Protein backbone atom coordinates (compact mmCIF):
# COMPACT_ATOMS: atom_id res chain seq x y z
CA MET A 1 76.98 -53.33 -0.37
CA GLN A 2 77.51 -52.60 -4.06
CA GLU A 3 79.34 -54.66 -6.67
CA LYS A 4 81.34 -52.91 -9.39
CA SER A 5 83.33 -54.37 -12.30
CA PHE A 6 86.37 -52.74 -13.90
CA ASP A 7 88.58 -53.46 -16.91
CA GLU A 8 92.37 -53.34 -17.11
CA GLY A 9 93.79 -49.83 -16.84
CA GLN A 10 90.66 -48.26 -15.35
CA THR A 11 91.08 -46.06 -12.30
CA ILE A 12 88.93 -46.93 -9.29
CA LEU A 13 90.00 -44.05 -7.09
CA LYS A 14 92.49 -41.28 -7.69
CA ARG A 15 94.30 -38.83 -5.48
CA GLY A 16 91.92 -36.03 -4.51
CA ASP A 17 88.73 -38.10 -4.81
CA VAL A 18 86.43 -37.98 -1.81
CA THR A 19 84.65 -41.18 -0.80
CA ASP A 20 82.72 -42.46 2.19
CA ARG A 21 83.11 -46.11 1.14
CA VAL A 22 85.43 -48.99 1.97
CA HIS A 23 86.40 -51.04 -1.09
CA ILE A 24 87.01 -54.81 -1.02
CA LEU A 25 88.82 -56.44 -3.93
CA TRP A 26 86.91 -59.63 -4.74
CA TYR A 27 88.61 -60.57 -7.98
CA GLY A 28 91.65 -59.26 -9.86
CA ARG A 29 94.69 -57.16 -8.97
CA ILE A 30 95.13 -53.45 -8.38
CA ILE A 31 98.17 -51.21 -8.66
CA VAL A 32 98.51 -48.56 -5.96
CA GLU A 33 100.36 -45.40 -6.98
CA VAL A 34 101.61 -42.53 -4.88
CA CYS A 35 101.74 -38.96 -6.21
CA TYR A 36 104.46 -36.57 -5.12
CA ASN A 37 105.54 -33.28 -6.72
CA ASP A 38 103.34 -33.95 -9.76
CA GLU A 39 105.01 -37.34 -10.33
CA VAL A 40 103.33 -40.73 -10.05
CA ALA A 41 105.26 -43.74 -8.74
CA TYR A 42 104.39 -47.39 -8.13
CA PHE A 43 103.68 -48.06 -4.45
CA ASP A 44 102.15 -51.55 -4.15
CA THR A 45 99.98 -54.22 -5.78
CA ILE A 46 96.96 -55.48 -3.88
CA LYS A 47 95.26 -58.82 -4.40
CA ARG A 48 91.98 -60.56 -3.68
CA GLY A 49 90.56 -59.93 -0.23
CA ALA A 50 92.30 -56.61 0.33
CA CYS A 51 90.32 -53.67 1.70
CA PHE A 52 91.30 -50.21 0.58
CA SER A 53 90.29 -46.59 0.89
CA ALA A 54 91.78 -43.72 2.80
CA PHE A 55 89.72 -43.06 5.86
CA THR A 56 90.43 -42.98 9.56
CA SER A 57 88.49 -42.95 12.80
CA PHE A 58 90.57 -39.95 13.87
CA SER A 59 89.53 -37.60 11.07
CA ASP A 60 86.49 -36.78 8.96
CA ASP A 61 88.71 -36.17 5.93
CA THR A 62 87.96 -38.85 3.32
CA THR A 63 90.15 -37.37 0.57
CA GLN A 64 92.14 -40.08 -1.20
CA MET A 65 95.92 -39.80 -1.11
CA LEU A 66 96.71 -42.62 -3.56
CA ASN A 67 95.67 -43.82 -7.02
CA TYR A 68 94.11 -47.28 -7.42
CA LYS A 69 94.20 -48.75 -10.96
CA ILE A 70 93.24 -52.16 -12.31
CA LYS A 71 96.26 -54.29 -13.18
CA SER A 72 94.46 -57.51 -14.19
CA GLN A 73 92.26 -57.97 -17.25
CA ARG A 74 89.17 -57.58 -15.08
CA ALA A 75 88.41 -56.83 -11.44
CA VAL A 76 85.35 -57.04 -9.23
CA ILE A 77 85.09 -54.79 -6.20
CA TYR A 78 82.50 -54.62 -3.45
CA THR A 79 81.97 -51.32 -1.68
CA ILE A 80 80.21 -50.47 1.55
CA LYS A 81 79.62 -47.09 3.18
CA THR A 82 81.83 -46.60 6.24
CA LYS A 83 78.81 -45.65 8.37
CA HIS A 84 77.18 -48.99 7.47
CA LEU A 85 80.40 -50.84 8.31
CA HIS A 86 80.50 -49.15 11.73
CA LYS A 87 76.82 -49.97 12.28
CA LEU A 88 77.50 -53.64 11.46
CA GLY A 89 80.42 -53.59 13.88
CA LYS A 90 78.20 -52.29 16.69
CA SER A 91 75.54 -54.89 15.95
CA TYR A 92 77.91 -57.83 15.69
CA ILE A 93 80.70 -57.78 18.28
CA GLU A 94 82.61 -60.65 16.62
CA LEU A 95 82.64 -58.75 13.31
CA ALA A 96 83.83 -55.60 15.06
CA ASP A 97 86.78 -57.53 16.54
CA ARG A 98 87.75 -58.77 13.07
CA ILE A 99 87.47 -55.31 11.51
CA ARG A 100 89.85 -53.83 14.10
């Protein structure tokens, strides 16, 4: 697991980025934006404890569809590779139940 710090206004992930990591917001707030026809619109605000990243068990496509930007003065995010998260889930049944 990696820890990363961000300042207000910084972009964590943007539409089109490819990532193999799940992100967990430990501290701060993040604005989620959706892009459509070259326009960007507010979609949601996520708070401490939220997990985010666009990935699915049904597809190998890890291309991000949304923008994630820091709304608070500062934010701390932990990231973990999805393959490591799946491995943890297989090793610890109780954790796997919580992840689902």
